[in-house]
């Protein structure tokens, strides 16, 4: 009989420790980051054929999760750029590293032949 109580107590203790550890890990999670790029494209054909494949590959390898990529833009206030891209990353550090990577810098050099970029990162709300 004592063995059953001991096993049950050990199981409950393990569950409690696991729950506390998970809560602690969740509290330490970094908030996601979002990178917004406003691009005024001057040569859509060159931009699409030369820049976009390289940028998508470089940012994807760095952990980007694209949320918007050149879809229809509607102005609510002010004049909108011709193209908007929004990428999600797990952290602000990861976002900055992705856009400073050699692969993306190479793609960006090509992209600047076909458009003007305004790119910024913002830290999201913690989960």
Protein backbone atom coordinates (compact mmCIF):
# COMPACT_ATOMS: atom_id res chain seq x y z
CA UNK A 1 0.00 0.00 0.00
CA UNK A 2 2.83 2.40 0.88
CA UNK A 3 4.42 1.73 -2.50
CA UNK A 4 1.30 3.00 -4.30
CA UNK A 5 1.33 6.21 -2.26
CA UNK A 6 5.02 6.71 -2.92
CA UNK A 7 4.59 6.24 -6.67
CA UNK A 8 1.56 8.55 -6.78
CA UNK A 9 3.38 11.21 -4.76
CA UNK A 10 6.43 10.95 -7.02
CA UNK A 11 4.23 11.32 -10.12
CA UNK A 12 2.45 14.38 -8.73
CA UNK A 13 5.77 15.93 -7.73
CA UNK A 14 7.13 15.34 -11.25
CA UNK A 15 4.07 16.92 -12.81
CA UNK A 16 4.32 19.94 -10.51
CA UNK A 17 8.03 20.43 -11.27
CA UNK A 18 7.35 20.13 -15.00
CA UNK A 19 4.55 22.67 -14.84
CA UNK A 20 6.70 25.18 -12.95
CA UNK A 21 9.58 24.68 -15.41
CA UNK A 22 7.28 25.21 -18.41
CA UNK A 23 5.85 28.37 -16.85
CA UNK A 24 9.37 29.69 -16.30
CA UNK A 25 10.40 28.94 -19.88
CA UNK A 26 7.26 30.58 -21.23
CA UNK A 27 7.92 33.72 -19.17
CA UNK A 28 11.46 33.93 -20.59
CA UNK A 29 10.36 33.72 -24.23
CA UNK A 30 11.45 36.66 -26.34
CA UNK A 31 8.74 38.56 -28.17
CA UNK A 32 8.56 38.12 -31.94
CA UNK A 33 9.83 40.81 -34.30
CA UNK A 34 8.31 42.15 -37.47
CA UNK A 35 10.27 43.70 -40.32
CA UNK A 36 8.37 46.06 -42.57
CA UNK A 37 9.86 47.06 -45.91
CA UNK A 38 8.33 49.82 -47.99
CA UNK A 39 9.62 49.66 -51.55
CA UNK A 40 9.04 52.06 -54.40
CA UNK A 41 9.82 49.81 -57.34
CA UNK A 42 11.11 51.61 -60.45
CA UNK A 43 11.59 48.50 -62.63
CA UNK A 44 9.06 45.77 -61.71
CA UNK A 45 10.43 43.22 -64.19
CA UNK A 46 14.04 43.44 -62.97
CA UNK A 47 12.92 43.63 -59.34
CA UNK A 48 10.80 40.49 -59.64
CA UNK A 49 13.29 38.45 -61.67
CA UNK A 50 16.61 39.42 -60.09
CA UNK A 51 16.03 40.67 -56.55
CA UNK A 52 12.99 38.82 -55.20
CA UNK A 53 14.29 35.21 -55.58
CA UNK A 54 17.59 36.08 -53.86
CA UNK A 55 15.92 38.01 -51.05
CA UNK A 56 13.32 35.30 -50.39
CA UNK A 57 16.04 32.64 -50.26
CA UNK A 58 18.34 34.67 -47.97
CA UNK A 59 15.61 35.69 -45.54
CA UNK A 60 13.99 32.24 -45.53
CA UNK A 61 17.31 30.67 -44.60
CA UNK A 62 17.55 33.17 -41.72
CA UNK A 63 14.17 32.19 -40.24
CA UNK A 64 11.78 34.64 -41.90
CA UNK A 65 8.07 33.90 -41.89
CA UNK A 66 6.52 36.12 -44.59
CA UNK A 67 3.17 37.68 -43.69
CA UNK A 68 2.74 40.07 -46.63
CA UNK A 69 4.73 40.24 -49.83
CA UNK A 70 3.74 42.79 -52.43
CA UNK A 71 -0.03 42.43 -52.25
CA UNK A 72 -2.56 45.15 -52.88
CA UNK A 73 -1.91 48.31 -50.83
CA UNK A 74 -4.74 50.66 -49.85
CA UNK A 75 -3.97 54.08 -48.37
CA UNK A 76 -5.72 54.91 -45.11
CA UNK A 77 -3.63 57.99 -44.44
CA UNK A 78 -0.83 59.41 -46.59
CA UNK A 79 0.60 58.11 -49.83
CA UNK A 80 1.43 54.39 -49.77
CA UNK A 81 4.58 52.92 -51.28
CA UNK A 82 4.23 50.76 -54.36
CA UNK A 83 5.14 47.57 -52.49
CA UNK A 84 5.07 46.47 -48.83
CA UNK A 85 6.68 43.38 -47.36
CA UNK A 86 6.16 42.19 -43.78
CA UNK A 87 8.27 39.38 -42.34
CA UNK A 88 8.00 37.81 -38.89
CA UNK A 89 11.01 36.55 -36.95
CA UNK A 90 11.30 34.82 -33.58
CA UNK A 91 13.19 37.77 -32.07
CA UNK A 92 14.47 41.24 -32.87
CA UNK A 93 18.04 39.92 -32.81
CA UNK A 94 17.17 37.29 -35.43
CA UNK A 95 15.51 39.91 -37.64
CA UNK A 96 18.47 42.27 -37.52
CA UNK A 97 20.89 39.40 -38.19
CA UNK A 98 18.83 38.26 -41.21
CA UNK A 99 18.90 41.67 -42.85
CA UNK A 100 22.61 42.10 -42.06
CA UNK A 101 23.54 38.69 -43.46
CA UNK A 102 25.91 38.59 -46.43
CA UNK A 103 23.31 36.75 -48.54
CA UNK A 104 20.67 39.42 -47.98
CA UNK A 105 23.14 42.28 -48.45
CA UNK A 106 24.04 40.79 -51.83
CA UNK A 107 20.36 40.58 -52.78
CA UNK A 108 19.71 44.10 -51.52
CA UNK A 109 22.51 45.53 -53.69
CA UNK A 110 20.70 44.10 -56.71
CA UNK A 111 17.33 45.29 -55.44
CA UNK A 112 18.53 48.86 -55.09
CA UNK A 113 19.03 48.97 -58.86
CA UNK A 114 15.27 48.49 -59.23
CA UNK A 115 13.75 50.37 -56.31
CA UNK A 116 14.07 52.52 -53.21
CA UNK A 117 13.78 50.74 -49.85
CA UNK A 118 12.70 51.87 -46.40
CA UNK A 119 13.08 48.95 -43.98
CA UNK A 120 12.56 48.82 -40.23
CA UNK A 121 12.08 46.21 -37.51
CA UNK A 122 9.71 46.40 -34.57
CA UNK A 123 9.48 44.17 -31.54
CA UNK A 124 6.07 42.54 -31.20
CA UNK A 125 4.13 41.77 -28.07
CA UNK A 126 5.38 38.91 -25.91
CA UNK A 127 3.37 35.70 -26.27
